[in-house]
Full PDB file with SEQRES, HELIX, SHEET, SSBOND, CRYST1, ORIGX, SCALE, CONECT and MASTER records, all heavy atoms in Angstrom:
SEQRES   1 A   42  LYS ILE LYS HIS LYS PHE GLY SER VAL ALA ARG ILE GLN          
SEQRES   2 A   42  LYS PRO ILE VAL TYR ASN CYS ARG LYS ILE THR ASP GLU          
SEQRES   3 A   42  GLN ALA ILE ASN LYS LEU ILE GLU TYR GLY LYS PRO ASP          
SEQRES   4 A   42  ILE GLY ARG                                                  
HELIX    1 AA1 CYS A   20  LYS A   22  5                                   3    
HELIX    2 AA2 GLU A   26  TYR A   35  1                                  10    
SHEET    1 AA1 2 ILE A   2  HIS A   4  0                                        
SHEET    2 AA1 2 GLY A   7  VAL A   9 -1                                        
CRYST1    1.000    1.000    1.000  90.00  90.00  90.00 P 1           1          
ORIGX1      1.000000  0.000000  0.000000        0.00000                         
ORIGX2      0.000000  1.000000  0.000000        0.00000                         
ORIGX3      0.000000  0.000000  1.000000        0.00000                         
SCALE1      1.000000  0.000000  0.000000        0.00000                         
SCALE2      0.000000  1.000000  0.000000        0.00000                         
SCALE3      0.000000  0.000000  1.000000        0.00000                         
ATOM      1  N   LYS A   1      61.268 -44.813 -75.633  1.00  0.00           N  
ATOM      2  CA  LYS A   1      61.575 -44.307 -76.968  1.00  0.00           C  
ATOM      3  C   LYS A   1      63.001 -44.674 -77.340  1.00  0.00           C  
ATOM      4  O   LYS A   1      63.917 -44.524 -76.535  1.00  0.00           O  
ATOM      5  CB  LYS A   1      61.395 -42.786 -77.026  1.00  0.00           C  
ATOM      6  CG  LYS A   1      61.600 -42.165 -78.406  1.00  0.00           C  
ATOM      7  CD  LYS A   1      61.312 -40.668 -78.368  1.00  0.00           C  
ATOM      8  CE  LYS A   1      61.463 -40.016 -79.725  1.00  0.00           C  
ATOM      9  NZ  LYS A   1      61.160 -38.558 -79.681  1.00  0.00           N  
ATOM     10  N   ILE A   2      63.178 -45.167 -78.571  1.00  0.00           N  
ATOM     11  CA  ILE A   2      64.497 -45.534 -79.069  1.00  0.00           C  
ATOM     12  C   ILE A   2      64.717 -44.869 -80.419  1.00  0.00           C  
ATOM     13  O   ILE A   2      63.875 -44.970 -81.314  1.00  0.00           O  
ATOM     14  CB  ILE A   2      64.631 -47.061 -79.224  1.00  0.00           C  
ATOM     15  CG1 ILE A   2      64.519 -47.748 -77.861  1.00  0.00           C  
ATOM     16  CG2 ILE A   2      65.964 -47.424 -79.879  1.00  0.00           C  
ATOM     17  CD1 ILE A   2      64.565 -49.265 -77.928  1.00  0.00           C  
ATOM     18  N   LYS A   3      65.852 -44.204 -80.557  1.00  0.00           N  
ATOM     19  CA  LYS A   3      66.191 -43.556 -81.817  1.00  0.00           C  
ATOM     20  C   LYS A   3      66.942 -44.535 -82.721  1.00  0.00           C  
ATOM     21  O   LYS A   3      67.626 -45.437 -82.255  1.00  0.00           O  
ATOM     22  CB  LYS A   3      67.047 -42.315 -81.572  1.00  0.00           C  
ATOM     23  CG  LYS A   3      66.300 -41.183 -80.876  1.00  0.00           C  
ATOM     24  CD  LYS A   3      67.181 -39.942 -80.753  1.00  0.00           C  
ATOM     25  CE  LYS A   3      66.424 -38.790 -80.113  1.00  0.00           C  
ATOM     26  NZ  LYS A   3      67.273 -37.569 -80.009  1.00  0.00           N  
ATOM     27  N   HIS A   4      66.799 -44.341 -84.023  1.00  0.00           N  
ATOM     28  CA  HIS A   4      67.575 -45.077 -85.014  1.00  0.00           C  
ATOM     29  C   HIS A   4      67.877 -44.122 -86.159  1.00  0.00           C  
ATOM     30  O   HIS A   4      67.442 -42.957 -86.144  1.00  0.00           O  
ATOM     31  CB  HIS A   4      66.837 -46.333 -85.491  1.00  0.00           C  
ATOM     32  CG  HIS A   4      65.466 -46.076 -86.042  1.00  0.00           C  
ATOM     33  ND1 HIS A   4      65.254 -45.654 -87.324  1.00  0.00           N  
ATOM     34  CD2 HIS A   4      64.234 -46.184 -85.475  1.00  0.00           C  
ATOM     35  CE1 HIS A   4      63.963 -45.521 -87.544  1.00  0.00           C  
ATOM     36  NE2 HIS A   4      63.307 -45.828 -86.433  1.00  0.00           N  
ATOM     37  N   LYS A   5      68.589 -44.569 -87.173  1.00  0.00           N  
ATOM     38  CA  LYS A   5      69.087 -43.628 -88.183  1.00  0.00           C  
ATOM     39  C   LYS A   5      67.991 -43.055 -89.070  1.00  0.00           C  
ATOM     40  O   LYS A   5      68.204 -42.049 -89.742  1.00  0.00           O  
ATOM     41  CB  LYS A   5      70.179 -44.268 -89.033  1.00  0.00           C  
ATOM     42  CG  LYS A   5      69.732 -45.437 -89.896  1.00  0.00           C  
ATOM     43  CD  LYS A   5      70.942 -45.980 -90.650  1.00  0.00           C  
ATOM     44  CE  LYS A   5      70.594 -47.158 -91.537  1.00  0.00           C  
ATOM     45  NZ  LYS A   5      71.796 -47.694 -92.231  1.00  0.00           N  
ATOM     46  N   PHE A   6      66.821 -43.671 -89.076  1.00  0.00           N  
ATOM     47  CA  PHE A   6      65.721 -43.150 -89.879  1.00  0.00           C  
ATOM     48  C   PHE A   6      64.678 -42.411 -89.037  1.00  0.00           C  
ATOM     49  O   PHE A   6      63.680 -41.941 -89.577  1.00  0.00           O  
ATOM     50  CB  PHE A   6      65.028 -44.287 -90.637  1.00  0.00           C  
ATOM     51  CG  PHE A   6      65.912 -44.954 -91.649  1.00  0.00           C  
ATOM     52  CD1 PHE A   6      66.257 -46.285 -91.496  1.00  0.00           C  
ATOM     53  CD2 PHE A   6      66.406 -44.251 -92.731  1.00  0.00           C  
ATOM     54  CE1 PHE A   6      67.075 -46.911 -92.429  1.00  0.00           C  
ATOM     55  CE2 PHE A   6      67.231 -44.863 -93.665  1.00  0.00           C  
ATOM     56  CZ  PHE A   6      67.576 -46.203 -93.511  1.00  0.00           C  
ATOM     57  N   GLY A   7      64.895 -42.317 -87.736  1.00  0.00           N  
ATOM     58  CA  GLY A   7      63.928 -41.637 -86.872  1.00  0.00           C  
ATOM     59  C   GLY A   7      63.908 -42.253 -85.492  1.00  0.00           C  
ATOM     60  O   GLY A   7      64.947 -42.389 -84.846  1.00  0.00           O  
ATOM     61  N   SER A   8      62.734 -42.669 -85.039  1.00  0.00           N  
ATOM     62  CA  SER A   8      62.624 -43.243 -83.701  1.00  0.00           C  
ATOM     63  C   SER A   8      61.397 -44.148 -83.616  1.00  0.00           C  
ATOM     64  O   SER A   8      60.503 -44.107 -84.466  1.00  0.00           O  
ATOM     65  CB  SER A   8      62.533 -42.142 -82.644  1.00  0.00           C  
ATOM     66  OG  SER A   8      61.347 -41.371 -82.830  1.00  0.00           O  
ATOM     67  N   VAL A   9      61.374 -44.943 -82.560  1.00  0.00           N  
ATOM     68  CA  VAL A   9      60.228 -45.793 -82.230  1.00  0.00           C  
ATOM     69  C   VAL A   9      59.844 -45.484 -80.789  1.00  0.00           C  
ATOM     70  O   VAL A   9      60.701 -45.476 -79.906  1.00  0.00           O  
ATOM     71  CB  VAL A   9      60.578 -47.289 -82.372  1.00  0.00           C  
ATOM     72  CG1 VAL A   9      59.411 -48.146 -81.907  1.00  0.00           C  
ATOM     73  CG2 VAL A   9      60.938 -47.626 -83.803  1.00  0.00           C  
ATOM     74  N   ALA A  10      58.577 -45.198 -80.560  1.00  0.00           N  
ATOM     75  CA  ALA A  10      58.109 -44.861 -79.216  1.00  0.00           C  
ATOM     76  C   ALA A  10      57.009 -45.819 -78.774  1.00  0.00           C  
ATOM     77  O   ALA A  10      56.241 -46.330 -79.599  1.00  0.00           O  
ATOM     78  CB  ALA A  10      57.603 -43.415 -79.166  1.00  0.00           C  
ATOM     79  N   ARG A  11      56.951 -46.069 -77.494  1.00  0.00           N  
ATOM     80  CA  ARG A  11      55.889 -46.876 -76.885  1.00  0.00           C  
ATOM     81  C   ARG A  11      54.952 -45.908 -76.170  1.00  0.00           C  
ATOM     82  O   ARG A  11      55.298 -45.312 -75.163  1.00  0.00           O  
ATOM     83  CB  ARG A  11      56.490 -47.883 -75.906  1.00  0.00           C  
ATOM     84  CG  ARG A  11      55.496 -48.814 -75.207  1.00  0.00           C  
ATOM     85  CD  ARG A  11      56.268 -49.831 -74.372  1.00  0.00           C  
ATOM     86  NE  ARG A  11      55.400 -50.775 -73.686  1.00  0.00           N  
ATOM     87  CZ  ARG A  11      55.001 -50.648 -72.419  1.00  0.00           C  
ATOM     88  NH1 ARG A  11      55.392 -49.596 -71.701  1.00  0.00           N  
ATOM     89  NH2 ARG A  11      54.220 -51.559 -71.862  1.00  0.00           N  
ATOM     90  N   ILE A  12      53.744 -45.731 -76.715  1.00  0.00           N  
ATOM     91  CA  ILE A  12      52.815 -44.710 -76.252  1.00  0.00           C  
ATOM     92  C   ILE A  12      51.631 -45.363 -75.533  1.00  0.00           C  
ATOM     93  O   ILE A  12      51.042 -46.319 -76.038  1.00  0.00           O  
ATOM     94  CB  ILE A  12      52.281 -43.868 -77.432  1.00  0.00           C  
ATOM     95  CG1 ILE A  12      53.440 -43.331 -78.271  1.00  0.00           C  
ATOM     96  CG2 ILE A  12      51.389 -42.744 -76.926  1.00  0.00           C  
ATOM     97  CD1 ILE A  12      54.328 -42.354 -77.562  1.00  0.00           C  
ATOM     98  N   GLN A  13      51.315 -44.818 -74.357  1.00  0.00           N  
ATOM     99  CA  GLN A  13      50.161 -45.352 -73.635  1.00  0.00           C  
ATOM    100  C   GLN A  13      48.867 -44.808 -74.216  1.00  0.00           C  
ATOM    101  O   GLN A  13      48.731 -43.615 -74.495  1.00  0.00           O  
ATOM    102  CB  GLN A  13      50.236 -44.971 -72.158  1.00  0.00           C  
ATOM    103  CG  GLN A  13      49.073 -45.526 -71.340  1.00  0.00           C  
ATOM    104  CD  GLN A  13      49.186 -45.214 -69.862  1.00  0.00           C  
ATOM    105  OE1 GLN A  13      50.226 -45.452 -69.250  1.00  0.00           O  
ATOM    106  NE2 GLN A  13      48.126 -44.671 -69.277  1.00  0.00           N  
ATOM    107  N   LYS A  14      47.900 -45.694 -74.421  1.00  0.00           N  
ATOM    108  CA  LYS A  14      46.582 -45.287 -74.871  1.00  0.00           C  
ATOM    109  C   LYS A  14      45.808 -44.701 -73.690  1.00  0.00           C  
ATOM    110  O   LYS A  14      46.173 -44.918 -72.531  1.00  0.00           O  
ATOM    111  CB  LYS A  14      45.821 -46.493 -75.435  1.00  0.00           C  
ATOM    112  CG  LYS A  14      46.441 -47.102 -76.675  1.00  0.00           C  
ATOM    113  CD  LYS A  14      45.628 -48.295 -77.155  1.00  0.00           C  
ATOM    114  CE  LYS A  14      46.245 -48.940 -78.380  1.00  0.00           C  
ATOM    115  NZ  LYS A  14      45.449 -50.105 -78.853  1.00  0.00           N  
ATOM    116  N   PRO A  15      44.739 -43.947 -73.955  1.00  0.00           N  
ATOM    117  CA  PRO A  15      43.905 -43.452 -72.853  1.00  0.00           C  
ATOM    118  C   PRO A  15      43.413 -44.611 -71.974  1.00  0.00           C  
ATOM    119  O   PRO A  15      43.111 -45.698 -72.475  1.00  0.00           O  
ATOM    120  CB  PRO A  15      42.736 -42.769 -73.569  1.00  0.00           C  
ATOM    121  CG  PRO A  15      43.293 -42.374 -74.903  1.00  0.00           C  
ATOM    122  CD  PRO A  15      44.263 -43.464 -75.273  1.00  0.00           C  
ATOM    123  N   ILE A  16      43.363 -44.358 -70.681  1.00  0.00           N  
ATOM    124  CA  ILE A  16      42.881 -45.359 -69.741  1.00  0.00           C  
ATOM    125  C   ILE A  16      41.388 -45.612 -69.980  1.00  0.00           C  
ATOM    126  O   ILE A  16      40.610 -44.674 -70.119  1.00  0.00           O  
ATOM    127  CB  ILE A  16      43.093 -44.904 -68.285  1.00  0.00           C  
ATOM    128  CG1 ILE A  16      44.595 -44.807 -67.972  1.00  0.00           C  
ATOM    129  CG2 ILE A  16      42.402 -45.840 -67.302  1.00  0.00           C  
ATOM    130  CD1 ILE A  16      45.299 -46.141 -67.933  1.00  0.00           C  
ATOM    131  N   VAL A  17      41.012 -46.880 -70.044  1.00  0.00           N  
ATOM    132  CA  VAL A  17      39.610 -47.260 -70.200  1.00  0.00           C  
ATOM    133  C   VAL A  17      39.080 -47.702 -68.842  1.00  0.00           C  
ATOM    134  O   VAL A  17      39.769 -48.416 -68.096  1.00  0.00           O  
ATOM    135  CB  VAL A  17      39.457 -48.399 -71.232  1.00  0.00           C  
ATOM    136  CG1 VAL A  17      38.005 -48.861 -71.313  1.00  0.00           C  
ATOM    137  CG2 VAL A  17      39.950 -47.935 -72.596  1.00  0.00           C  
ATOM    138  N   TYR A  18      37.865 -47.287 -68.514  1.00  0.00           N  
ATOM    139  CA  TYR A  18      37.291 -47.602 -67.207  1.00  0.00           C  
ATOM    140  C   TYR A  18      36.247 -48.711 -67.322  1.00  0.00           C  
ATOM    141  O   TYR A  18      35.504 -48.787 -68.313  1.00  0.00           O  
ATOM    142  CB  TYR A  18      36.652 -46.353 -66.603  1.00  0.00           C  
ATOM    143  CG  TYR A  18      37.636 -45.232 -66.411  1.00  0.00           C  
ATOM    144  CD1 TYR A  18      37.600 -44.100 -67.242  1.00  0.00           C  
ATOM    145  CD2 TYR A  18      38.627 -45.295 -65.446  1.00  0.00           C  
ATOM    146  CE1 TYR A  18      38.510 -43.077 -67.090  1.00  0.00           C  
ATOM    147  CE2 TYR A  18      39.555 -44.275 -65.290  1.00  0.00           C  
ATOM    148  CZ  TYR A  18      39.496 -43.166 -66.113  1.00  0.00           C  
ATOM    149  OH  TYR A  18      40.401 -42.154 -65.972  1.00  0.00           O  
ATOM    150  N   ASN A  19      36.206 -49.551 -66.298  1.00  0.00           N  
ATOM    151  CA  ASN A  19      35.215 -50.618 -66.220  1.00  0.00           C  
ATOM    152  C   ASN A  19      33.946 -50.048 -65.599  1.00  0.00           C  
ATOM    153  O   ASN A  19      33.793 -50.021 -64.377  1.00  0.00           O  
ATOM    154  CB  ASN A  19      35.749 -51.783 -65.390  1.00  0.00           C  
ATOM    155  CG  ASN A  19      34.829 -52.984 -65.420  1.00  0.00           C  
ATOM    156  OD1 ASN A  19      33.657 -52.883 -65.797  1.00  0.00           O  
ATOM    157  ND2 ASN A  19      35.344 -54.133 -65.019  1.00  0.00           N  
ATOM    158  N   CYS A  20      33.050 -49.586 -66.450  1.00  0.00           N  
ATOM    159  CA  CYS A  20      31.859 -48.886 -65.958  1.00  0.00           C  
ATOM    160  C   CYS A  20      30.912 -49.809 -65.200  1.00  0.00           C  
ATOM    161  O   CYS A  20      30.129 -49.346 -64.363  1.00  0.00           O  
ATOM    162  CB  CYS A  20      31.124 -48.222 -67.128  1.00  0.00           C  
ATOM    163  SG  CYS A  20      32.082 -46.909 -67.920  1.00  0.00           S  
ATOM    164  N   ARG A  21      30.966 -51.094 -65.468  1.00  0.00           N  
ATOM    165  CA  ARG A  21      30.075 -52.030 -64.786  1.00  0.00           C  
ATOM    166  C   ARG A  21      30.321 -52.072 -63.284  1.00  0.00           C  
ATOM    167  O   ARG A  21      29.432 -52.432 -62.510  1.00  0.00           O  
ATOM    168  CB  ARG A  21      30.243 -53.435 -65.368  1.00  0.00           C  
ATOM    169  CG  ARG A  21      29.665 -53.603 -66.769  1.00  0.00           C  
ATOM    170  CD  ARG A  21      29.965 -54.980 -67.319  1.00  0.00           C  
ATOM    171  NE  ARG A  21      29.352 -55.191 -68.633  1.00  0.00           N  
ATOM    172  CZ  ARG A  21      28.178 -55.773 -68.812  1.00  0.00           C  
ATOM    173  NH1 ARG A  21      27.493 -56.205 -67.772  1.00  0.00           N  
ATOM    174  NH2 ARG A  21      27.684 -55.943 -70.038  1.00  0.00           N  
ATOM    175  N   LYS A  22      31.536 -51.710 -62.848  1.00  0.00           N  
ATOM    176  CA  LYS A  22      31.884 -51.761 -61.430  1.00  0.00           C  
ATOM    177  C   LYS A  22      31.565 -50.470 -60.687  1.00  0.00           C  
ATOM    178  O   LYS A  22      31.766 -50.384 -59.465  1.00  0.00           O  
ATOM    179  CB  LYS A  22      33.372 -52.086 -61.286  1.00  0.00           C  
ATOM    180  CG  LYS A  22      33.738 -53.493 -61.741  1.00  0.00           C  
ATOM    181  CD  LYS A  22      35.202 -53.800 -61.448  1.00  0.00           C  
ATOM    182  CE  LYS A  22      35.542 -55.239 -61.811  1.00  0.00           C  
ATOM    183  NZ  LYS A  22      36.970 -55.563 -61.519  1.00  0.00           N  
ATOM    184  N   ILE A  23      31.086 -49.471 -61.394  1.00  0.00           N  
ATOM    185  CA  ILE A  23      30.845 -48.168 -60.763  1.00  0.00           C  
ATOM    186  C   ILE A  23      29.543 -48.204 -59.967  1.00  0.00           C  
ATOM    187  O   ILE A  23      28.464 -48.420 -60.522  1.00  0.00           O  
ATOM    188  CB  ILE A  23      30.798 -47.046 -61.818  1.00  0.00           C  
ATOM    189  CG1 ILE A  23      32.140 -46.942 -62.540  1.00  0.00           C  
ATOM    190  CG2 ILE A  23      30.434 -45.710 -61.166  1.00  0.00           C  
ATOM    191  CD1 ILE A  23      32.156 -45.927 -63.669  1.00  0.00           C  
ATOM    192  N   THR A  24      29.665 -47.990 -58.650  1.00  0.00           N  
ATOM    193  CA  THR A  24      28.498 -47.942 -57.765  1.00  0.00           C  
ATOM    194  C   THR A  24      28.466 -46.660 -56.935  1.00  0.00           C  
ATOM    195  O   THR A  24      27.418 -46.299 -56.396  1.00  0.00           O  
ATOM    196  CB  THR A  24      28.484 -49.151 -56.813  1.00  0.00           C  
ATOM    197  OG1 THR A  24      29.722 -49.200 -56.082  1.00  0.00           O  
ATOM    198  CG2 THR A  24      28.327 -50.460 -57.596  1.00  0.00           C  
ATOM    199  N   ASP A  25      29.611 -45.978 -56.854  1.00  0.00           N  
ATOM    200  CA  ASP A  25      29.692 -44.730 -56.093  1.00  0.00           C  
ATOM    201  C   ASP A  25      28.773 -43.680 -56.717  1.00  0.00           C  
ATOM    202  O   ASP A  25      28.788 -43.467 -57.937  1.00  0.00           O  
ATOM    203  CB  ASP A  25      31.143 -44.236 -56.082  1.00  0.00           C  
ATOM    204  CG  ASP A  25      31.296 -42.895 -55.385  1.00  0.00           C  
ATOM    205  OD1 ASP A  25      31.283 -42.872 -54.148  1.00  0.00           O  
ATOM    206  OD2 ASP A  25      31.395 -41.882 -56.115  1.00  0.00           O  
ATOM    207  N   GLU A  26      27.967 -43.025 -55.873  1.00  0.00           N  
ATOM    208  CA  GLU A  26      26.965 -42.081 -56.367  1.00  0.00           C  
ATOM    209  C   GLU A  26      27.591 -40.918 -57.127  1.00  0.00           C  
ATOM    210  O   GLU A  26      27.094 -40.514 -58.190  1.00  0.00           O  
ATOM    211  CB  GLU A  26      26.117 -41.559 -55.208  1.00  0.00           C  
ATOM    212  CG  GLU A  26      24.984 -40.642 -55.660  1.00  0.00           C  
ATOM    213  CD  GLU A  26      24.089 -40.198 -54.509  1.00  0.00           C  
ATOM    214  OE1 GLU A  26      24.256 -40.711 -53.390  1.00  0.00           O  
ATOM    215  OE2 GLU A  26      23.230 -39.322 -54.743  1.00  0.00           O  
ATOM    216  N   GLN A  27      28.674 -40.368 -56.598  1.00  0.00           N  
ATOM    217  CA  GLN A  27      29.329 -39.251 -57.285  1.00  0.00           C  
ATOM    218  C   GLN A  27      29.875 -39.683 -58.643  1.00  0.00           C  
ATOM    219  O   GLN A  27      29.731 -38.970 -59.641  1.00  0.00           O  
ATOM    220  CB  GLN A  27      30.469 -38.682 -56.428  1.00  0.00           C  
ATOM    221  CG  GLN A  27      31.140 -37.463 -57.056  1.00  0.00           C  
ATOM    222  CD  GLN A  27      32.330 -36.966 -56.242  1.00  0.00           C  
ATOM    223  OE1 GLN A  27      32.719 -37.584 -55.245  1.00  0.00           O  
ATOM    224  NE2 GLN A  27      32.907 -35.857 -56.665  1.00  0.00           N  
ATOM    225  N   ALA A  28      30.473 -40.883 -58.686  1.00  0.00           N  
ATOM    226  CA  ALA A  28      31.014 -41.389 -59.948  1.00  0.00           C  
ATOM    227  C   ALA A  28      29.888 -41.649 -60.953  1.00  0.00           C  
ATOM    228  O   ALA A  28      30.047 -41.388 -62.154  1.00  0.00           O  
ATOM    229  CB  ALA A  28      31.816 -42.668 -59.699  1.00  0.00           C  
ATOM    230  N   ILE A  29      28.735 -42.133 -60.473  1.00  0.00           N  
ATOM    231  CA  ILE A  29      27.605 -42.375 -61.373  1.00  0.00           C  
ATOM    232  C   ILE A  29      27.105 -41.065 -61.966  1.00  0.00           C  
ATOM    233  O   ILE A  29      26.807 -40.968 -63.160  1.00  0.00           O  
ATOM    234  CB  ILE A  29      26.464 -43.099 -60.621  1.00  0.00           C  
ATOM    235  CG1 ILE A  29      26.874 -44.544 -60.338  1.00  0.00           C  
ATOM    236  CG2 ILE A  29      25.180 -43.075 -61.451  1.00  0.00           C  
ATOM    237  CD1 ILE A  29      25.869 -45.309 -59.507  1.00  0.00           C  
ATOM    238  N   ASN A  30      27.037 -40.030 -61.141  1.00  0.00           N  
ATOM    239  CA  ASN A  30      26.601 -38.719 -61.641  1.00  0.00           C  
ATOM    240  C   ASN A  30      27.550 -38.199 -62.723  1.00  0.00           C  
ATOM    241  O   ASN A  30      27.102 -37.612 -63.724  1.00  0.00           O  
ATOM    242  CB  ASN A  30      26.515 -37.720 -60.485  1.00  0.00           C  
ATOM    243  CG  ASN A  30      25.335 -37.998 -59.571  1.00  0.00           C  
ATOM    244  OD1 ASN A  30      24.325 -38.572 -59.991  1.00  0.00           O  
ATOM    245  ND2 ASN A  30      25.442 -37.605 -58.310  1.00  0.00           N  
ATOM    246  N   LYS A  31      28.846 -38.391 -62.513  1.00  0.00           N  
ATOM    247  CA  LYS A  31      29.821 -37.951 -63.512  1.00  0.00           C  
ATOM    248  C   LYS A  31      29.787 -38.844 -64.751  1.00  0.00           C  
ATOM    249  O   LYS A  31      30.050 -38.381 -65.865  1.00  0.00           O  
ATOM    250  CB  LYS A  31      31.230 -37.930 -62.913  1.00  0.00           C  
ATOM    251  CG  LYS A  31      31.405 -36.883 -61.814  1.00  0.00           C  
ATOM    252  CD  LYS A  31      31.075 -35.477 -62.313  1.00  0.00           C  
ATOM    253  CE  LYS A  31      31.229 -34.420 -61.239  1.00  0.00           C  
ATOM    254  NZ  LYS A  31      30.855 -33.059 -61.703  1.00  0.00           N  
ATOM    255  N   LEU A  32      29.453 -40.116 -64.549  1.00  0.00           N  
ATOM    256  CA  LEU A  32      29.303 -41.019 -65.686  1.00  0.00           C  
ATOM    257  C   LEU A  32      28.150 -40.564 -66.577  1.00  0.00           C  
ATOM    258  O   LEU A  32      28.253 -40.586 -67.800  1.00  0.00           O  
ATOM    259  CB  LEU A  32      29.056 -42.440 -65.181  1.00  0.00           C  
ATOM    260  CG  LEU A  32      28.980 -43.548 -66.233  1.00  0.00           C  
ATOM    261  CD1 LEU A  32      30.303 -43.672 -66.984  1.00  0.00           C  
ATOM    262  CD2 LEU A  32      28.606 -44.880 -65.583  1.00  0.00           C  
ATOM    263  N   ILE A  33      27.062 -40.133 -65.956  1.00  0.00           N  
ATOM    264  CA  ILE A  33      25.924 -39.595 -66.711  1.00  0.00           C  
ATOM    265  C   ILE A  33      26.335 -38.342 -67.479  1.00  0.00           C  
ATOM    266  O   ILE A  33      25.931 -38.130 -68.622  1.00  0.00           O  
ATOM    267  CB  ILE A  33      24.749 -39.290 -65.757  1.00  0.00           C  
ATOM    268  CG1 ILE A  33      24.175 -40.593 -65.188  1.00  0.00           C  
ATOM    269  CG2 ILE A  33      23.660 -38.491 -66.467  1.00  0.00           C  
ATOM    270  CD1 ILE A  33      23.121 -40.383 -64.110  1.00  0.00           C  
ATOM    271  N   GLU A  34      27.173 -37.529 -66.840  1.00  0.00           N  
ATOM    272  CA  GLU A  34      27.569 -36.256 -67.445  1.00  0.00           C  
ATOM    273  C   GLU A  34      28.587 -36.422 -68.572  1.00  0.00           C  
ATOM    274  O   GLU A  34      28.504 -35.734 -69.602  1.00  0.00           O  
ATOM    275  CB  GLU A  34      28.156 -35.343 -66.368  1.00  0.00           C  
ATOM    276  CG  GLU A  34      28.536 -33.960 -66.862  1.00  0.00           C  
ATOM    277  CD  GLU A  34      29.058 -33.050 -65.747  1.00  0.00           C  
ATOM    278  OE1 GLU A  34      28.998 -33.454 -64.562  1.00  0.00           O  
ATOM    279  OE2 GLU A  34      29.539 -31.943 -66.066  1.00  0.00           O  
ATOM    280  N   TYR A  35      29.543 -37.354 -68.406  1.00  0.00           N  
ATOM    281  CA  TYR A  35      30.655 -37.455 -69.351  1.00  0.00           C  
ATOM    282  C   TYR A  35      30.631 -38.701 -70.244  1.00  0.00           C  
ATOM    283  O   TYR A  35      31.290 -38.724 -71.281  1.00  0.00           O  
ATOM    284  CB  TYR A  35      31.995 -37.443 -68.590  1.00  0.00           C  
ATOM    285  CG  TYR A  35      32.351 -36.093 -68.020  1.00  0.00           C  
ATOM    286  CD1 TYR A  35      31.977 -35.750 -66.725  1.00  0.00           C  
ATOM    287  CD2 TYR A  35      33.055 -35.159 -68.769  1.00  0.00           C  
ATOM    288  CE1 TYR A  35      32.304 -34.511 -66.188  1.00  0.00           C  
ATOM    289  CE2 TYR A  35      33.394 -33.919 -68.247  1.00  0.00           C  
ATOM    290  CZ  TYR A  35      33.009 -33.600 -66.951  1.00  0.00           C  
ATOM    291  OH  TYR A  35      33.326 -32.373 -66.430  1.00  0.00           O  
ATOM    292  N   GLY A  36      29.904 -39.721 -69.842  1.00  0.00           N  
ATOM    293  CA  GLY A  36      29.941 -40.975 -70.575  1.00  0.00           C  
ATOM    294  C   GLY A  36      29.153 -40.929 -71.879  1.00  0.00           C  
ATOM    295  O   GLY A  36      28.276 -40.085 -72.080  1.00  0.00           O  
ATOM    296  N   LYS A  37      29.472 -41.863 -72.764  1.00  0.00           N  
ATOM    297  CA  LYS A  37      28.735 -42.028 -74.020  1.00  0.00           C  
ATOM    298  C   LYS A  37      28.450 -43.508 -74.201  1.00  0.00           C  
ATOM    299  O   LYS A  37      29.337 -44.352 -73.997  1.00  0.00           O  
ATOM    300  CB  LYS A  37      29.538 -41.503 -75.210  1.00  0.00           C  
ATOM    301  CG  LYS A  37      29.733 -39.992 -75.206  1.00  0.00           C  
ATOM    302  CD  LYS A  37      30.513 -39.547 -76.432  1.00  0.00           C  
ATOM    303  CE  LYS A  37      30.697 -38.039 -76.438  1.00  0.00           C  
ATOM    304  NZ  LYS A  37      31.473 -37.579 -77.620  1.00  0.00           N  
ATOM    305  N   PRO A  38      27.232 -43.860 -74.586  1.00  0.00           N  
ATOM    306  CA  PRO A  38      26.925 -45.280 -74.765  1.00  0.00           C  
ATOM    307  C   PRO A  38      27.634 -45.857 -75.982  1.00  0.00           C  
ATOM    308  O   PRO A  38      27.922 -45.149 -76.946  1.00  0.00           O  
ATOM    309  CB  PRO A  38      25.403 -45.288 -74.950  1.00  0.00           C  
ATOM    310  CG  PRO A  38      25.069 -43.928 -75.467  1.00  0.00           C  
ATOM    311  CD  PRO A  38      26.068 -42.997 -74.852  1.00  0.00           C  
ATOM    312  N   ASP A  39      27.927 -47.132 -75.908  1.00  0.00           N  
ATOM    313  CA  ASP A  39      28.434 -47.873 -77.058  1.00  0.00           C  
ATOM    314  C   ASP A  39      27.264 -48.019 -78.027  1.00  0.00           C  
ATOM    315  O   ASP A  39      26.315 -48.765 -77.768  1.00  0.00           O  
ATOM    316  CB  ASP A  39      28.941 -49.238 -76.590  1.00  0.00           C  
ATOM    317  CG  ASP A  39      29.531 -50.067 -77.716  1.00  0.00           C  
ATOM    318  OD1 ASP A  39      28.953 -50.061 -78.823  1.00  0.00           O  
ATOM    319  OD2 ASP A  39      30.556 -50.729 -77.491  1.00  0.00           O  
ATOM    320  N   ILE A  40      27.302 -47.288 -79.154  1.00  0.00           N  
ATOM    321  CA  ILE A  40      26.153 -47.231 -80.061  1.00  0.00           C  
ATOM    322  C   ILE A  40      25.813 -48.612 -80.626  1.00  0.00           C  
ATOM    323  O   ILE A  40      24.639 -48.967 -80.780  1.00  0.00           O  
ATOM    324  CB  ILE A  40      26.407 -46.226 -81.201  1.00  0.00           C  
ATOM    325  CG1 ILE A  40      26.652 -44.813 -80.617  1.00  0.00           C  
ATOM    326  CG2 ILE A  40      25.222 -46.208 -82.164  1.00  0.00           C  
ATOM    327  CD1 ILE A  40      25.501 -44.289 -79.789  1.00  0.00           C  
ATOM    328  N   GLY A  41      26.833 -49.408 -80.928  1.00  0.00           N  
ATOM    329  CA  GLY A  41      26.581 -50.739 -81.439  1.00  0.00           C  
ATOM    330  C   GLY A  41      25.809 -51.591 -80.450  1.00  0.00           C  
ATOM    331  O   GLY A  41      24.819 -52.256 -80.808  1.00  0.00           O  
ATOM    332  N   ARG A  42      26.211 -51.564 -79.198  1.00  0.00           N  
ATOM    333  CA  ARG A  42      25.516 -52.344 -78.174  1.00  0.00           C  
ATOM    334  C   ARG A  42      24.141 -51.743 -77.883  1.00  0.00           C  
ATOM    335  O   ARG A  42      23.186 -52.461 -77.593  1.00  0.00           O  
ATOM    336  CB  ARG A  42      26.354 -52.403 -76.902  1.00  0.00           C  
ATOM    337  CG  ARG A  42      27.689 -53.102 -77.075  1.00  0.00           C  
ATOM    338  CD  ARG A  42      28.396 -53.330 -75.752  1.00  0.00           C  
ATOM    339  NE  ARG A  42      27.616 -54.245 -74.924  1.00  0.00           N  
ATOM    340  CZ  ARG A  42      27.531 -54.154 -73.605  1.00  0.00           C  
ATOM    341  NH1 ARG A  42      28.142 -53.160 -72.974  1.00  0.00           N  
ATOM    342  NH2 ARG A  42      26.839 -55.028 -72.907  1.00  0.00           N  
TER     343      ARG A  42                                                      
MASTER        0    0    0    2    2    0    0    6  342    1    0    4          
END                                                                             
């Protein structure tokens, strides 16, 4: 974050995106079913 006379400029991290295609762990798959949402367009 850098301040200037009119305010400030910040560099903000976006939410982490996960590569679901690589998920093979059974526990992770169960949680993917519980929390994931399909890409409606695809």
